[in-house]
């Protein structure tokens, strides 16, 4: 079926499929990317809360890992998203 065949078959809400496709489109060869929640929300015309719920849906489904990144001075940086089914 193609690039997103696994996500099409998954029993996930539309919001989760949309955010997954966004992250997949922006990920590197290792399936990693680090867009801000606000950026995802703005570009997909969704609320921040909807994006947060979608990310949690993907984590629960085992399709995504989320890791907080830190700056050298100890401050928070962006989240690192890793797609776990990178085919």
PDB file of N, CA and C in Angstrom:
ATOM      1  N   UNK A   1       0.822  -1.199   0.000  1.00  0.00           N
ATOM      2  CA  UNK A   1       0.000   0.000   0.000  1.00  0.00           C
ATOM      3  C   UNK A   1       0.856   1.250   0.000  1.00  0.00           C
ATOM      4  N   UNK A   2       2.039   1.179   0.624  1.00  0.00           N
ATOM      5  CA  UNK A   2       2.900   2.331   0.519  1.00  0.00           C
ATOM      6  C   UNK A   2       3.447   2.835   1.834  1.00  0.00           C
ATOM      7  N   UNK A   3       3.851   4.074   1.788  1.00  0.00           N
ATOM      8  CA  UNK A   3       4.575   4.755   2.849  1.00  0.00           C
ATOM      9  C   UNK A   3       3.886   4.690   4.207  1.00  0.00           C
ATOM     10  N   UNK A   4       2.566   4.863   4.251  1.00  0.00           N
ATOM     11  CA  UNK A   4       1.828   4.931   5.514  1.00  0.00           C
ATOM     12  C   UNK A   4       0.911   3.737   5.738  1.00  0.00           C
ATOM     13  N   UNK A   5       1.179   2.597   5.124  1.00  0.00           N
ATOM     14  CA  UNK A   5       0.256   1.468   5.202  1.00  0.00           C
ATOM     15  C   UNK A   5      -0.014   1.029   6.644  1.00  0.00           C
ATOM     16  N   UNK A   6       1.007   1.020   7.503  1.00  0.00           N
ATOM     17  CA  UNK A   6       0.800   0.620   8.901  1.00  0.00           C
ATOM     18  C   UNK A   6      -0.112   1.588   9.642  1.00  0.00           C
ATOM     19  N   UNK A   7       0.062   2.862   9.401  1.00  0.00           N
ATOM     20  CA  UNK A   7      -0.752   3.855  10.116  1.00  0.00           C
ATOM     21  C   UNK A   7      -2.190   3.857   9.608  1.00  0.00           C
ATOM     22  N   UNK A   8      -2.398   3.573   8.316  1.00  0.00           N
ATOM     23  CA  UNK A   8      -3.756   3.489   7.783  1.00  0.00           C
ATOM     24  C   UNK A   8      -4.527   2.362   8.457  1.00  0.00           C
ATOM     25  N   UNK A   9      -3.851   1.254   8.735  1.00  0.00           N
ATOM     26  CA  UNK A   9      -4.499   0.088   9.336  1.00  0.00           C
ATOM     27  C   UNK A   9      -4.698   0.223  10.842  1.00  0.00           C
ATOM     28  N   UNK A  10      -3.947   1.085  11.475  1.00  0.00           N
ATOM     29  CA  UNK A  10      -3.985   1.209  12.933  1.00  0.00           C
ATOM     30  C   UNK A  10      -5.328   1.755  13.422  1.00  0.00           C
ATOM     31  N   UNK A  11      -5.743   1.258  14.556  1.00  0.00           N
ATOM     32  CA  UNK A  11      -6.968   1.742  15.208  1.00  0.00           C
ATOM     33  C   UNK A  11      -6.611   2.958  16.060  1.00  0.00           C
ATOM     34  N   UNK A  12      -6.458   4.083  15.394  1.00  0.00           N
ATOM     35  CA  UNK A  12      -6.075   5.328  16.049  1.00  0.00           C
ATOM     36  C   UNK A  12      -7.031   6.441  15.653  1.00  0.00           C
ATOM     37  N   UNK A  13      -7.203   7.447  16.529  1.00  0.00           N
ATOM     38  CA  UNK A  13      -7.996   8.612  16.142  1.00  0.00           C
ATOM     39  C   UNK A  13      -7.339   9.358  14.979  1.00  0.00           C
ATOM     40  N   UNK A  14      -8.140  10.075  14.252  1.00  0.00           N
ATOM     41  CA  UNK A  14      -7.646  10.857  13.109  1.00  0.00           C
ATOM     42  C   UNK A  14      -6.514  11.786  13.527  1.00  0.00           C
ATOM     43  N   UNK A  15      -6.642  12.408  14.687  1.00  0.00           N
ATOM     44  CA  UNK A  15      -5.604  13.351  15.143  1.00  0.00           C
ATOM     45  C   UNK A  15      -4.249  12.671  15.240  1.00  0.00           C
ATOM     46  N   UNK A  16      -4.231  11.425  15.734  1.00  0.00           N
ATOM     47  CA  UNK A  16      -2.975  10.704  15.897  1.00  0.00           C
ATOM     48  C   UNK A  16      -2.358  10.354  14.543  1.00  0.00           C
ATOM     49  N   UNK A  17      -3.193   9.947  13.610  1.00  0.00           N
ATOM     50  CA  UNK A  17      -2.685   9.620  12.271  1.00  0.00           C
ATOM     51  C   UNK A  17      -2.101  10.861  11.604  1.00  0.00           C
ATOM     52  N   UNK A  18      -2.760  11.985  11.780  1.00  0.00           N
ATOM     53  CA  UNK A  18      -2.297  13.236  11.189  1.00  0.00           C
ATOM     54  C   UNK A  18      -0.948  13.653  11.773  1.00  0.00           C
ATOM     55  N   UNK A  19      -0.822  13.592  13.086  1.00  0.00           N
ATOM     56  CA  UNK A  19       0.437  13.974  13.737  1.00  0.00           C
ATOM     57  C   UNK A  19       1.538  12.976  13.385  1.00  0.00           C
ATOM     58  N   UNK A  20       1.211  11.690  13.314  1.00  0.00           N
ATOM     59  CA  UNK A  20       2.198  10.686  12.912  1.00  0.00           C
ATOM     60  C   UNK A  20       2.753  11.012  11.523  1.00  0.00           C
ATOM     61  N   UNK A  21       1.883  11.313  10.584  1.00  0.00           N
ATOM     62  CA  UNK A  21       2.320  11.622   9.224  1.00  0.00           C
ATOM     63  C   UNK A  21       3.192  12.877   9.197  1.00  0.00           C
ATOM     64  N   UNK A  22       2.836  13.859  10.009  1.00  0.00           N
ATOM     65  CA  UNK A  22       3.635  15.078  10.122  1.00  0.00           C
ATOM     66  C   UNK A  22       5.046  14.744  10.614  1.00  0.00           C
ATOM     67  N   UNK A  23       5.127  13.949  11.688  1.00  0.00           N
ATOM     68  CA  UNK A  23       6.421  13.594  12.257  1.00  0.00           C
ATOM     69  C   UNK A  23       7.238  12.723  11.299  1.00  0.00           C
ATOM     70  N   UNK A  24       6.576  11.796  10.644  1.00  0.00           N
ATOM     71  CA  UNK A  24       7.261  10.916   9.684  1.00  0.00           C
ATOM     72  C   UNK A  24       7.858  11.740   8.542  1.00  0.00           C
ATOM     73  N   UNK A  25       7.103  12.729   8.076  1.00  0.00           N
ATOM     74  CA  UNK A  25       7.561  13.581   6.982  1.00  0.00           C
ATOM     75  C   UNK A  25       8.788  14.405   7.361  1.00  0.00           C
ATOM     76  N   UNK A  26       8.941  14.702   8.639  1.00  0.00           N
ATOM     77  CA  UNK A  26      10.038  15.554   9.102  1.00  0.00           C
ATOM     78  C   UNK A  26      11.169  14.785   9.783  1.00  0.00           C
ATOM     79  N   UNK A  27      11.063  13.476   9.843  1.00  0.00           N
ATOM     80  CA  UNK A  27      12.065  12.688  10.556  1.00  0.00           C
ATOM     81  C   UNK A  27      13.258  12.344   9.665  1.00  0.00           C
ATOM     82  N   UNK A  28      14.371  12.056  10.335  1.00  0.00           N
ATOM     83  CA  UNK A  28      15.583  11.651   9.621  1.00  0.00           C
ATOM     84  C   UNK A  28      15.548  10.144   9.356  1.00  0.00           C
ATOM     85  N   UNK A  29      16.644   9.591   8.879  1.00  0.00           N
ATOM     86  CA  UNK A  29      16.704   8.159   8.535  1.00  0.00           C
ATOM     87  C   UNK A  29      16.508   7.264   9.760  1.00  0.00           C
ATOM     88  N   UNK A  30      16.803   7.781  10.941  1.00  0.00           N
ATOM     89  CA  UNK A  30      16.610   7.020  12.177  1.00  0.00           C
ATOM     90  C   UNK A  30      15.211   7.206  12.761  1.00  0.00           C
ATOM     91  N   UNK A  31      14.361   7.953  12.073  1.00  0.00           N
ATOM     92  CA  UNK A  31      12.997   8.193  12.547  1.00  0.00           C
ATOM     93  C   UNK A  31      12.910   9.229  13.640  1.00  0.00           C
ATOM     94  N   UNK A  32      13.880  10.128  13.729  1.00  0.00           N
ATOM     95  CA  UNK A  32      13.903  11.134  14.782  1.00  0.00           C
ATOM     96  C   UNK A  32      13.684  12.539  14.241  1.00  0.00           C
ATOM     97  N   UNK A  33      12.968  13.330  15.027  1.00  0.00           N
ATOM     98  CA  UNK A  33      12.773  14.751  14.725  1.00  0.00           C
ATOM     99  C   UNK A  33      12.443  15.469  16.032  1.00  0.00           C
ATOM    100  N   UNK A  34      12.483  16.789  16.005  1.00  0.00           N
ATOM    101  CA  UNK A  34      12.250  17.537  17.239  1.00  0.00           C
ATOM    102  C   UNK A  34      11.482  18.844  17.019  1.00  0.00           C
ATOM    103  N   UNK A  35      10.340  18.792  16.351  1.00  0.00           N
ATOM    104  CA  UNK A  35       9.545  20.016  16.214  1.00  0.00           C
ATOM    105  C   UNK A  35       8.852  20.346  17.542  1.00  0.00           C
ATOM    106  N   UNK A  36       8.627  21.612  17.776  1.00  0.00           N
ATOM    107  CA  UNK A  36       7.911  22.048  18.973  1.00  0.00           C
ATOM    108  C   UNK A  36       6.421  21.713  18.841  1.00  0.00           C
ATOM    109  N   UNK A  37       5.773  21.469  19.964  1.00  0.00           N
ATOM    110  CA  UNK A  37       4.336  21.189  19.973  1.00  0.00           C
ATOM    111  C   UNK A  37       3.584  22.342  19.303  1.00  0.00           C
ATOM    112  N   UNK A  38       3.981  23.564  19.622  1.00  0.00           N
ATOM    113  CA  UNK A  38       3.333  24.734  19.033  1.00  0.00           C
ATOM    114  C   UNK A  38       3.494  24.792  17.520  1.00  0.00           C
ATOM    115  N   UNK A  39       4.647  24.391  17.033  1.00  0.00           N
ATOM    116  CA  UNK A  39       4.882  24.361  15.591  1.00  0.00           C
ATOM    117  C   UNK A  39       3.995  23.323  14.915  1.00  0.00           C
ATOM    118  N   UNK A  40       3.916  22.134  15.511  1.00  0.00           N
ATOM    119  CA  UNK A  40       3.052  21.088  14.959  1.00  0.00           C
ATOM    120  C   UNK A  40       1.613  21.588  14.915  1.00  0.00           C
ATOM    121  N   UNK A  41       1.161  22.160  16.021  1.00  0.00           N
ATOM    122  CA  UNK A  41      -0.219  22.655  16.112  1.00  0.00           C
ATOM    123  C   UNK A  41      -0.498  23.726  15.053  1.00  0.00           C
ATOM    124  N   UNK A  42       0.422  24.655  14.920  1.00  0.00           N
ATOM    125  CA  UNK A  42       0.238  25.745  13.958  1.00  0.00           C
ATOM    126  C   UNK A  42       0.184  25.222  12.526  1.00  0.00           C
ATOM    127  N   UNK A  43       1.124  24.355  12.166  1.00  0.00           N
ATOM    128  CA  UNK A  43       1.193  23.867  10.793  1.00  0.00           C
ATOM    129  C   UNK A  43       0.046  22.925  10.432  1.00  0.00           C
ATOM    130  N   UNK A  44      -0.503  22.206  11.421  1.00  0.00           N
ATOM    131  CA  UNK A  44      -1.626  21.303  11.155  1.00  0.00           C
ATOM    132  C   UNK A  44      -2.982  21.941  11.446  1.00  0.00           C
ATOM    133  N   UNK A  45      -2.970  23.188  11.917  1.00  0.00           N
ATOM    134  CA  UNK A  45      -4.200  23.904  12.268  1.00  0.00           C
ATOM    135  C   UNK A  45      -4.996  23.127  13.319  1.00  0.00           C
ATOM    136  N   UNK A  46      -4.272  22.661  14.350  1.00  0.00           N
ATOM    137  CA  UNK A  46      -4.868  21.970  15.486  1.00  0.00           C
ATOM    138  C   UNK A  46      -4.512  22.740  16.752  1.00  0.00           C
ATOM    139  N   UNK A  47      -5.232  22.483  17.835  1.00  0.00           N
ATOM    140  CA  UNK A  47      -4.867  23.103  19.104  1.00  0.00           C
ATOM    141  C   UNK A  47      -3.672  22.363  19.691  1.00  0.00           C
ATOM    142  N   UNK A  48      -2.945  23.037  20.566  1.00  0.00           N
ATOM    143  CA  UNK A  48      -1.814  22.401  21.240  1.00  0.00           C
ATOM    144  C   UNK A  48      -2.279  21.160  22.000  1.00  0.00           C
ATOM    145  N   UNK A  49      -3.420  21.262  22.649  1.00  0.00           N
ATOM    146  CA  UNK A  49      -3.939  20.143  23.448  1.00  0.00           C
ATOM    147  C   UNK A  49      -4.273  18.943  22.560  1.00  0.00           C
ATOM    148  N   UNK A  50      -4.812  19.181  21.380  1.00  0.00           N
ATOM    149  CA  UNK A  50      -5.109  18.087  20.450  1.00  0.00           C
ATOM    150  C   UNK A  50      -3.822  17.400  20.016  1.00  0.00           C
ATOM    151  N   UNK A  51      -2.776  18.171  19.761  1.00  0.00           N
ATOM    152  CA  UNK A  51      -1.483  17.597  19.389  1.00  0.00           C
ATOM    153  C   UNK A  51      -0.926  16.781  20.553  1.00  0.00           C
ATOM    154  N   UNK A  52      -1.035  17.302  21.769  1.00  0.00           N
ATOM    155  CA  UNK A  52      -0.557  16.558  22.940  1.00  0.00           C
ATOM    156  C   UNK A  52      -1.302  15.240  23.100  1.00  0.00           C
ATOM    157  N   UNK A  53      -2.611  15.242  22.896  1.00  0.00           N
ATOM    158  CA  UNK A  53      -3.395  13.999  22.979  1.00  0.00           C
ATOM    159  C   UNK A  53      -2.991  13.027  21.879  1.00  0.00           C
ATOM    160  N   UNK A  54      -2.763  13.547  20.685  1.00  0.00           N
ATOM    161  CA  UNK A  54      -2.343  12.701  19.563  1.00  0.00           C
ATOM    162  C   UNK A  54      -0.996  12.044  19.853  1.00  0.00           C
ATOM    163  N   UNK A  55      -0.078  12.811  20.406  1.00  0.00           N
ATOM    164  CA  UNK A  55       1.236  12.261  20.764  1.00  0.00           C
ATOM    165  C   UNK A  55       1.077  11.162  21.803  1.00  0.00           C
ATOM    166  N   UNK A  56       0.226  11.384  22.790  1.00  0.00           N
ATOM    167  CA  UNK A  56      -0.012  10.351  23.807  1.00  0.00           C
ATOM    168  C   UNK A  56      -0.648   9.108  23.184  1.00  0.00           C
ATOM    169  N   UNK A  57      -1.568   9.291  22.236  1.00  0.00           N
ATOM    170  CA  UNK A  57      -2.164   8.156  21.518  1.00  0.00           C
ATOM    171  C   UNK A  57      -1.079   7.322  20.832  1.00  0.00           C
ATOM    172  N   UNK A  58      -0.138   7.994  20.180  1.00  0.00           N
ATOM    173  CA  UNK A  58       0.933   7.317  19.451  1.00  0.00           C
ATOM    174  C   UNK A  58       1.896   6.602  20.398  1.00  0.00           C
ATOM    175  N   UNK A  59       2.170   7.215  21.537  1.00  0.00           N
ATOM    176  CA  UNK A  59       3.038   6.579  22.540  1.00  0.00           C
ATOM    177  C   UNK A  59       2.360   5.323  23.082  1.00  0.00           C
ATOM    178  N   UNK A  60       1.078   5.441  23.410  1.00  0.00           N
ATOM    179  CA  UNK A  60       0.318   4.303  23.923  1.00  0.00           C
ATOM    180  C   UNK A  60       0.253   3.158  22.919  1.00  0.00           C
ATOM    181  N   UNK A  61       0.150   3.499  21.638  1.00  0.00           N
ATOM    182  CA  UNK A  61       0.089   2.488  20.574  1.00  0.00           C
ATOM    183  C   UNK A  61       1.464   1.888  20.267  1.00  0.00           C
ATOM    184  N   UNK A  62       2.518   2.439  20.867  1.00  0.00           N
ATOM    185  CA  UNK A  62       3.862   1.923  20.633  1.00  0.00           C
ATOM    186  C   UNK A  62       4.493   2.399  19.337  1.00  0.00           C
ATOM    187  N   UNK A  63       3.963   3.466  18.767  1.00  0.00           N
ATOM    188  CA  UNK A  63       4.479   3.984  17.499  1.00  0.00           C
ATOM    189  C   UNK A  63       5.454   5.143  17.668  1.00  0.00           C
ATOM    190  N   UNK A  64       5.554   5.666  18.891  1.00  0.00           N
ATOM    191  CA  UNK A  64       6.343   6.875  19.114  1.00  0.00           C
ATOM    192  C   UNK A  64       6.962   6.846  20.502  1.00  0.00           C
ATOM    193  N   UNK A  65       8.188   7.357  20.591  1.00  0.00           N
ATOM    194  CA  UNK A  65       8.840   7.605  21.880  1.00  0.00           C
ATOM    195  C   UNK A  65       9.110   9.093  21.969  1.00  0.00           C
ATOM    196  N   UNK A  66       8.983   9.629  23.175  1.00  0.00           N
ATOM    197  CA  UNK A  66       9.188  11.059  23.414  1.00  0.00           C
ATOM    198  C   UNK A  66      10.237  11.214  24.506  1.00  0.00           C
ATOM    199  N   UNK A  67      11.226  12.069  24.248  1.00  0.00           N
ATOM    200  CA  UNK A  67      12.304  12.267  25.209  1.00  0.00           C
ATOM    201  C   UNK A  67      12.595  13.758  25.354  1.00  0.00           C
ATOM    202  N   UNK A  68      12.673  14.225  26.596  1.00  0.00           N
ATOM    203  CA  UNK A  68      13.017  15.620  26.840  1.00  0.00           C
ATOM    204  C   UNK A  68      14.502  15.817  26.577  1.00  0.00           C
ATOM    205  N   UNK A  69      14.832  16.852  25.832  1.00  0.00           N
ATOM    206  CA  UNK A  69      16.239  17.200  25.592  1.00  0.00           C
ATOM    207  C   UNK A  69      16.596  18.370  26.495  1.00  0.00           C
ATOM    208  N   UNK A  70      17.889  18.487  26.839  1.00  0.00           N
ATOM    209  CA  UNK A  70      18.349  19.518  27.773  1.00  0.00           C
ATOM    210  C   UNK A  70      19.496  20.323  27.170  1.00  0.00           C
ATOM    211  N   UNK A  71      19.540  21.584  27.536  1.00  0.00           N
ATOM    212  CA  UNK A  71      20.633  22.458  27.118  1.00  0.00           C
ATOM    213  C   UNK A  71      21.830  22.251  28.053  1.00  0.00           C
ATOM    214  N   UNK A  72      22.980  22.731  27.639  1.00  0.00           N
ATOM    215  CA  UNK A  72      24.188  22.605  28.454  1.00  0.00           C
ATOM    216  C   UNK A  72      24.045  23.296  29.804  1.00  0.00           C
ATOM    217  N   UNK A  73      23.256  24.385  29.862  1.00  0.00           N
ATOM    218  CA  UNK A  73      23.087  25.113  31.112  1.00  0.00           C
ATOM    219  C   UNK A  73      22.014  24.492  32.017  1.00  0.00           C
ATOM    220  N   UNK A  74      21.467  23.355  31.610  1.00  0.00           N
ATOM    221  CA  UNK A  74      20.469  22.663  32.430  1.00  0.00           C
ATOM    222  C   UNK A  74      19.030  22.997  32.086  1.00  0.00           C
ATOM    223  N   UNK A  75      18.821  23.950  31.203  1.00  0.00           N
ATOM    224  CA  UNK A  75      17.469  24.316  30.803  1.00  0.00           C
ATOM    225  C   UNK A  75      16.887  23.321  29.800  1.00  0.00           C
ATOM    226  N   UNK A  76      15.580  23.320  29.727  1.00  0.00           N
ATOM    227  CA  UNK A  76      14.899  22.445  28.775  1.00  0.00           C
ATOM    228  C   UNK A  76      15.128  22.900  27.341  1.00  0.00           C
ATOM    229  N   UNK A  77      15.215  21.919  26.471  1.00  0.00           N
ATOM    230  CA  UNK A  77      15.253  22.163  25.038  1.00  0.00           C
ATOM    231  C   UNK A  77      14.007  21.500  24.456  1.00  0.00           C
ATOM    232  N   UNK A  78      13.981  21.307  23.175  1.00  0.00           N
ATOM    233  CA  UNK A  78      12.814  20.698  22.541  1.00  0.00           C
ATOM    234  C   UNK A  78      12.732  19.207  22.856  1.00  0.00           C
ATOM    235  N   UNK A  79      11.559  18.647  22.611  1.00  0.00           N
ATOM    236  CA  UNK A  79      11.368  17.206  22.761  1.00  0.00           C
ATOM    237  C   UNK A  79      11.953  16.492  21.551  1.00  0.00           C
ATOM    238  N   UNK A  80      12.497  15.312  21.770  1.00  0.00           N
ATOM    239  CA  UNK A  80      12.968  14.470  20.686  1.00  0.00           C
ATOM    240  C   UNK A  80      11.932  13.381  20.469  1.00  0.00           C
ATOM    241  N   UNK A  81      11.378  13.320  19.282  1.00  0.00           N
ATOM    242  CA  UNK A  81      10.402  12.290  18.937  1.00  0.00           C
ATOM    243  C   UNK A  81      11.099  11.226  18.097  1.00  0.00           C
ATOM    244  N   UNK A  82      10.868   9.968  18.432  1.00  0.00           N
ATOM    245  CA  UNK A  82      11.425   8.851  17.668  1.00  0.00           C
ATOM    246  C   UNK A  82      10.296   7.939  17.250  1.00  0.00           C
ATOM    247  N   UNK A  83      10.110   7.781  15.956  1.00  0.00           N
ATOM    248  CA  UNK A  83       9.102   6.852  15.424  1.00  0.00           C
ATOM    249  C   UNK A  83       9.667   5.448  15.582  1.00  0.00           C
ATOM    250  N   UNK A  84       8.905   4.568  16.225  1.00  0.00           N
ATOM    251  CA  UNK A  84       9.434   3.251  16.564  1.00  0.00           C
ATOM    252  C   UNK A  84       9.195   2.209  15.480  1.00  0.00           C
ATOM    253  N   UNK A  85       8.416   2.535  14.472  1.00  0.00           N
ATOM    254  CA  UNK A  85       8.157   1.554  13.409  1.00  0.00           C
ATOM    255  C   UNK A  85       8.757   1.997  12.080  1.00  0.00           C
ATOM    256  N   UNK A  86       9.908   2.624  12.131  1.00  0.00           N
ATOM    257  CA  UNK A  86      10.555   3.149  10.914  1.00  0.00           C
ATOM    258  C   UNK A  86      10.870   2.053   9.932  1.00  0.00           C
ATOM    259  N   UNK A  87      10.025   1.902   8.908  1.00  0.00           N
ATOM    260  CA  UNK A  87      10.263   0.922   7.852  1.00  0.00           C
ATOM    261  C   UNK A  87      10.732   1.654   6.631  1.00  0.00           C
TER     262      UNK A  87
END
